[in-house]
Amino acid sequence: MSNLFKTGDVVCAKADPAHPLVVRVFARGVYYCDVKNHPEEKEQVYFEREITVFNRP
């Protein structure tokens, strides 16, 4: 299975496009992301269809 996003890419959830996420790893068909600039927050997990490239407003 190929992945659209690579480790280190800045993405956002389509449901919450104002908050950037950093792709940590792609495994078993899901993306494990850290909240950018907030390492203390809980890791977030998304399917590829749920995220998109982050575009700064």
PDB file of N, CA and C in Angstrom:
ATOM      1  N   MET A   1       0.837  -1.171   0.000  1.00  0.00           N
ATOM      2  CA  MET A   1       0.000   0.000   0.000  1.00  0.00           C
ATOM      3  C   MET A   1       0.891   1.246   0.000  1.00  0.00           C
ATOM      4  N   SER A   2       0.677   2.126  -0.946  1.00  0.00           N
ATOM      5  CA  SER A   2       1.484   3.338  -1.005  1.00  0.00           C
ATOM      6  C   SER A   2       0.776   4.449  -0.247  1.00  0.00           C
ATOM      7  N   ASN A   3       1.571   5.367   0.257  1.00  0.00           N
ATOM      8  CA  ASN A   3       0.991   6.463   1.016  1.00  0.00           C
ATOM      9  C   ASN A   3       1.218   7.789   0.302  1.00  0.00           C
ATOM     10  N   LEU A   4       0.249   8.660   0.390  1.00  0.00           N
ATOM     11  CA  LEU A   4       0.284   9.962  -0.249  1.00  0.00           C
ATOM     12  C   LEU A   4       1.190  10.925   0.503  1.00  0.00           C
ATOM     13  N   PHE A   5       1.183  10.834   1.829  1.00  0.00           N
ATOM     14  CA  PHE A   5       1.964  11.729   2.671  1.00  0.00           C
ATOM     15  C   PHE A   5       3.165  10.995   3.257  1.00  0.00           C
ATOM     16  N   LYS A   6       4.250  11.710   3.440  1.00  0.00           N
ATOM     17  CA  LYS A   6       5.489  11.131   3.965  1.00  0.00           C
ATOM     18  C   LYS A   6       5.730  11.619   5.393  1.00  0.00           C
ATOM     19  N   THR A   7       6.611  10.955   6.099  1.00  0.00           N
ATOM     20  CA  THR A   7       6.993  11.375   7.441  1.00  0.00           C
ATOM     21  C   THR A   7       7.514  12.802   7.405  1.00  0.00           C
ATOM     22  N   GLY A   8       6.990  13.633   8.307  1.00  0.00           N
ATOM     23  CA  GLY A   8       7.404  15.025   8.379  1.00  0.00           C
ATOM     24  C   GLY A   8       6.522  15.992   7.610  1.00  0.00           C
ATOM     25  N   ASP A   9       5.632  15.480   6.757  1.00  0.00           N
ATOM     26  CA  ASP A   9       4.716  16.353   6.020  1.00  0.00           C
ATOM     27  C   ASP A   9       3.751  17.041   6.985  1.00  0.00           C
ATOM     28  N   VAL A  10       3.424  18.296   6.691  1.00  0.00           N
ATOM     29  CA  VAL A  10       2.459  19.036   7.496  1.00  0.00           C
ATOM     30  C   VAL A  10       1.101  18.906   6.825  1.00  0.00           C
ATOM     31  N   VAL A  11       0.162  18.345   7.558  1.00  0.00           N
ATOM     32  CA  VAL A  11      -1.189  18.091   7.058  1.00  0.00           C
ATOM     33  C   VAL A  11      -2.194  18.647   8.062  1.00  0.00           C
ATOM     34  N   CYS A  12      -3.477  18.504   7.728  1.00  0.00           N
ATOM     35  CA  CYS A  12      -4.535  18.856   8.675  1.00  0.00           C
ATOM     36  C   CYS A  12      -5.711  17.932   8.426  1.00  0.00           C
ATOM     37  N   ALA A  13      -6.531  17.794   9.442  1.00  0.00           N
ATOM     38  CA  ALA A  13      -7.755  17.011   9.291  1.00  0.00           C
ATOM     39  C   ALA A  13      -8.730  17.829   8.465  1.00  0.00           C
ATOM     40  N   LYS A  14      -9.426  17.190   7.550  1.00  0.00           N
ATOM     41  CA  LYS A  14     -10.413  17.911   6.740  1.00  0.00           C
ATOM     42  C   LYS A  14     -11.500  18.501   7.633  1.00  0.00           C
ATOM     43  N   ALA A  15     -11.787  17.867   8.750  1.00  0.00           N
ATOM     44  CA  ALA A  15     -12.808  18.354   9.676  1.00  0.00           C
ATOM     45  C   ALA A  15     -12.312  19.522  10.523  1.00  0.00           C
ATOM     46  N   ASP A  16     -10.992  19.731  10.586  1.00  0.00           N
ATOM     47  CA  ASP A  16     -10.407  20.811  11.396  1.00  0.00           C
ATOM     48  C   ASP A  16      -9.189  21.384  10.676  1.00  0.00           C
ATOM     49  N   PRO A  17      -9.416  22.106   9.581  1.00  0.00           N
ATOM     50  CA  PRO A  17      -8.299  22.568   8.745  1.00  0.00           C
ATOM     51  C   PRO A  17      -7.427  23.671   9.345  1.00  0.00           C
ATOM     52  N   ALA A  18      -7.808  24.232  10.473  1.00  0.00           N
ATOM     53  CA  ALA A  18      -7.033  25.317  11.083  1.00  0.00           C
ATOM     54  C   ALA A  18      -5.884  24.821  11.951  1.00  0.00           C
ATOM     55  N   HIS A  19      -5.870  23.538  12.283  1.00  0.00           N
ATOM     56  CA  HIS A  19      -4.848  22.999  13.175  1.00  0.00           C
ATOM     57  C   HIS A  19      -3.890  22.068  12.434  1.00  0.00           C
ATOM     58  N   PRO A  20      -2.625  22.491  12.284  1.00  0.00           N
ATOM     59  CA  PRO A  20      -1.652  21.669  11.565  1.00  0.00           C
ATOM     60  C   PRO A  20      -1.200  20.443  12.360  1.00  0.00           C
ATOM     61  N   LEU A  21      -0.948  19.389  11.624  1.00  0.00           N
ATOM     62  CA  LEU A  21      -0.447  18.137  12.177  1.00  0.00           C
ATOM     63  C   LEU A  21       0.809  17.750  11.413  1.00  0.00           C
ATOM     64  N   VAL A  22       1.687  17.016  12.055  1.00  0.00           N
ATOM     65  CA  VAL A  22       2.898  16.524  11.397  1.00  0.00           C
ATOM     66  C   VAL A  22       2.819  15.006  11.344  1.00  0.00           C
ATOM     67  N   VAL A  23       2.952  14.459  10.152  1.00  0.00           N
ATOM     68  CA  VAL A  23       2.899  13.004   9.992  1.00  0.00           C
ATOM     69  C   VAL A  23       4.121  12.389  10.668  1.00  0.00           C
ATOM     70  N   ARG A  24       3.872  11.501  11.607  1.00  0.00           N
ATOM     71  CA  ARG A  24       4.953  10.813  12.307  1.00  0.00           C
ATOM     72  C   ARG A  24       5.292   9.509  11.602  1.00  0.00           C
ATOM     73  N   VAL A  25       4.261   8.736  11.265  1.00  0.00           N
ATOM     74  CA  VAL A  25       4.481   7.451  10.604  1.00  0.00           C
ATOM     75  C   VAL A  25       3.193   7.007   9.900  1.00  0.00           C
ATOM     76  N   PHE A  26       3.367   6.234   8.844  1.00  0.00           N
ATOM     77  CA  PHE A  26       2.254   5.610   8.134  1.00  0.00           C
ATOM     78  C   PHE A  26       2.388   4.113   8.335  1.00  0.00           C
ATOM     79  N   ALA A  27       1.379   3.496   8.951  1.00  0.00           N
ATOM     80  CA  ALA A  27       1.447   2.059   9.206  1.00  0.00           C
ATOM     81  C   ALA A  27       0.055   1.455   9.187  1.00  0.00           C
ATOM     82  N   ARG A  28      -0.056   0.281   8.588  1.00  0.00           N
ATOM     83  CA  ARG A  28      -1.317  -0.463   8.536  1.00  0.00           C
ATOM     84  C   ARG A  28      -2.458   0.366   7.959  1.00  0.00           C
ATOM     85  N   GLY A  29      -2.142   1.229   7.012  1.00  0.00           N
ATOM     86  CA  GLY A  29      -3.170   1.994   6.322  1.00  0.00           C
ATOM     87  C   GLY A  29      -3.643   3.252   7.013  1.00  0.00           C
ATOM     88  N   VAL A  30      -2.994   3.634   8.113  1.00  0.00           N
ATOM     89  CA  VAL A  30      -3.382   4.858   8.810  1.00  0.00           C
ATOM     90  C   VAL A  30      -2.159   5.736   9.068  1.00  0.00           C
ATOM     91  N   TYR A  31      -2.425   7.026   9.234  1.00  0.00           N
ATOM     92  CA  TYR A  31      -1.380   8.001   9.525  1.00  0.00           C
ATOM     93  C   TYR A  31      -1.416   8.355  11.006  1.00  0.00           C
ATOM     94  N   TYR A  32      -0.265   8.279  11.647  1.00  0.00           N
ATOM     95  CA  TYR A  32      -0.123   8.676  13.038  1.00  0.00           C
ATOM     96  C   TYR A  32       0.509  10.059  13.021  1.00  0.00           C
ATOM     97  N   CYS A  33      -0.206  11.037  13.571  1.00  0.00           N
ATOM     98  CA  CYS A  33       0.220  12.433  13.482  1.00  0.00           C
ATOM     99  C   CYS A  33       0.371  13.063  14.853  1.00  0.00           C
ATOM    100  N   ASP A  34       1.348  13.953  14.963  1.00  0.00           N
ATOM    101  CA  ASP A  34       1.534  14.762  16.163  1.00  0.00           C
ATOM    102  C   ASP A  34       1.002  16.150  15.872  1.00  0.00           C
ATOM    103  N   VAL A  35       0.467  16.817  16.893  1.00  0.00           N
ATOM    104  CA  VAL A  35      -0.006  18.186  16.749  1.00  0.00           C
ATOM    105  C   VAL A  35       1.227  19.080  16.663  1.00  0.00           C
ATOM    106  N   LYS A  36       1.314  19.864  15.599  1.00  0.00           N
ATOM    107  CA  LYS A  36       2.490  20.705  15.373  1.00  0.00           C
ATOM    108  C   LYS A  36       2.652  21.722  16.505  1.00  0.00           C
ATOM    109  N   ASN A  37       3.867  21.827  17.016  1.00  0.00           N
ATOM    110  CA  ASN A  37       4.265  22.754  18.079  1.00  0.00           C
ATOM    111  C   ASN A  37       3.611  22.457  19.431  1.00  0.00           C
ATOM    112  N   HIS A  38       3.007  21.282  19.575  1.00  0.00           N
ATOM    113  CA  HIS A  38       2.395  20.884  20.845  1.00  0.00           C
ATOM    114  C   HIS A  38       2.663  19.396  21.107  1.00  0.00           C
ATOM    115  N   PRO A  39       3.915  19.048  21.400  1.00  0.00           N
ATOM    116  CA  PRO A  39       4.266  17.634  21.574  1.00  0.00           C
ATOM    117  C   PRO A  39       3.600  16.984  22.791  1.00  0.00           C
ATOM    118  N   GLU A  40       3.096  17.780  23.726  1.00  0.00           N
ATOM    119  CA  GLU A  40       2.458  17.220  24.915  1.00  0.00           C
ATOM    120  C   GLU A  40       1.048  16.702  24.620  1.00  0.00           C
ATOM    121  N   GLU A  41       0.460  17.105  23.498  1.00  0.00           N
ATOM    122  CA  GLU A  41      -0.886  16.654  23.150  1.00  0.00           C
ATOM    123  C   GLU A  41      -0.862  15.219  22.629  1.00  0.00           C
ATOM    124  N   LYS A  42      -1.990  14.573  22.760  1.00  0.00           N
ATOM    125  CA  LYS A  42      -2.141  13.177  22.354  1.00  0.00           C
ATOM    126  C   LYS A  42      -1.990  13.022  20.836  1.00  0.00           C
ATOM    127  N   GLU A  43      -1.325  11.962  20.431  1.00  0.00           N
ATOM    128  CA  GLU A  43      -1.168  11.626  19.020  1.00  0.00           C
ATOM    129  C   GLU A  43      -2.539  11.415  18.387  1.00  0.00           C
ATOM    130  N   GLN A  44      -2.679  11.803  17.123  1.00  0.00           N
ATOM    131  CA  GLN A  44      -3.942  11.641  16.419  1.00  0.00           C
ATOM    132  C   GLN A  44      -3.747  10.673  15.258  1.00  0.00           C
ATOM    133  N   VAL A  45      -4.778   9.901  14.972  1.00  0.00           N
ATOM    134  CA  VAL A  45      -4.705   8.861  13.951  1.00  0.00           C
ATOM    135  C   VAL A  45      -5.795   9.101  12.913  1.00  0.00           C
ATOM    136  N   TYR A  46      -5.388   9.087  11.617  1.00  0.00           N
ATOM    137  CA  TYR A  46      -6.326   9.365  10.535  1.00  0.00           C
ATOM    138  C   TYR A  46      -6.109   8.415   9.360  1.00  0.00           C
ATOM    139  N   PHE A  47      -7.199   8.143   8.641  1.00  0.00           N
ATOM    140  CA  PHE A  47      -7.087   7.488   7.353  1.00  0.00           C
ATOM    141  C   PHE A  47      -6.717   8.552   6.328  1.00  0.00           C
ATOM    142  N   GLU A  48      -6.149   8.140   5.211  1.00  0.00           N
ATOM    143  CA  GLU A  48      -5.712   9.080   4.182  1.00  0.00           C
ATOM    144  C   GLU A  48      -6.853   9.978   3.700  1.00  0.00           C
ATOM    145  N   ARG A  49      -8.047   9.439   3.601  1.00  0.00           N
ATOM    146  CA  ARG A  49      -9.186  10.229   3.110  1.00  0.00           C
ATOM    147  C   ARG A  49      -9.620  11.322   4.088  1.00  0.00           C
ATOM    148  N   GLU A  50      -9.128  11.267   5.332  1.00  0.00           N
ATOM    149  CA  GLU A  50      -9.533  12.233   6.358  1.00  0.00           C
ATOM    150  C   GLU A  50      -8.588  13.417   6.501  1.00  0.00           C
ATOM    151  N   ILE A  51      -7.443  13.386   5.815  1.00  0.00           N
ATOM    152  CA  ILE A  51      -6.471  14.478   5.942  1.00  0.00           C
ATOM    153  C   ILE A  51      -6.126  15.070   4.582  1.00  0.00           C
ATOM    154  N   THR A  52      -5.583  16.263   4.627  1.00  0.00           N
ATOM    155  CA  THR A  52      -5.166  16.965   3.422  1.00  0.00           C
ATOM    156  C   THR A  52      -3.939  17.815   3.746  1.00  0.00           C
ATOM    157  N   VAL A  53      -3.300  18.354   2.749  1.00  0.00           N
ATOM    158  CA  VAL A  53      -2.132  19.212   2.949  1.00  0.00           C
ATOM    159  C   VAL A  53      -2.560  20.479   3.680  1.00  0.00           C
ATOM    160  N   PHE A  54      -1.791  20.889   4.676  1.00  0.00           N
ATOM    161  CA  PHE A  54      -2.112  22.094   5.436  1.00  0.00           C
ATOM    162  C   PHE A  54      -1.738  23.324   4.619  1.00  0.00           C
ATOM    163  N   ASN A  55      -2.703  24.210   4.436  1.00  0.00           N
ATOM    164  CA  ASN A  55      -2.482  25.486   3.761  1.00  0.00           C
ATOM    165  C   ASN A  55      -2.675  26.599   4.753  1.00  0.00           C
ATOM    166  N   ARG A  56      -1.585  27.269   5.064  1.00  0.00           N
ATOM    167  CA  ARG A  56      -1.638  28.356   6.051  1.00  0.00           C
ATOM    168  C   ARG A  56      -2.565  29.468   5.546  1.00  0.00           C
ATOM    169  N   PRO A  57      -3.531  29.909   6.397  1.00  0.00           N
ATOM    170  CA  PRO A  57      -4.472  30.962   5.989  1.00  0.00           C
ATOM    171  C   PRO A  57      -3.819  32.313   5.820  1.00  0.00           C
TER     172      PRO A  57
END
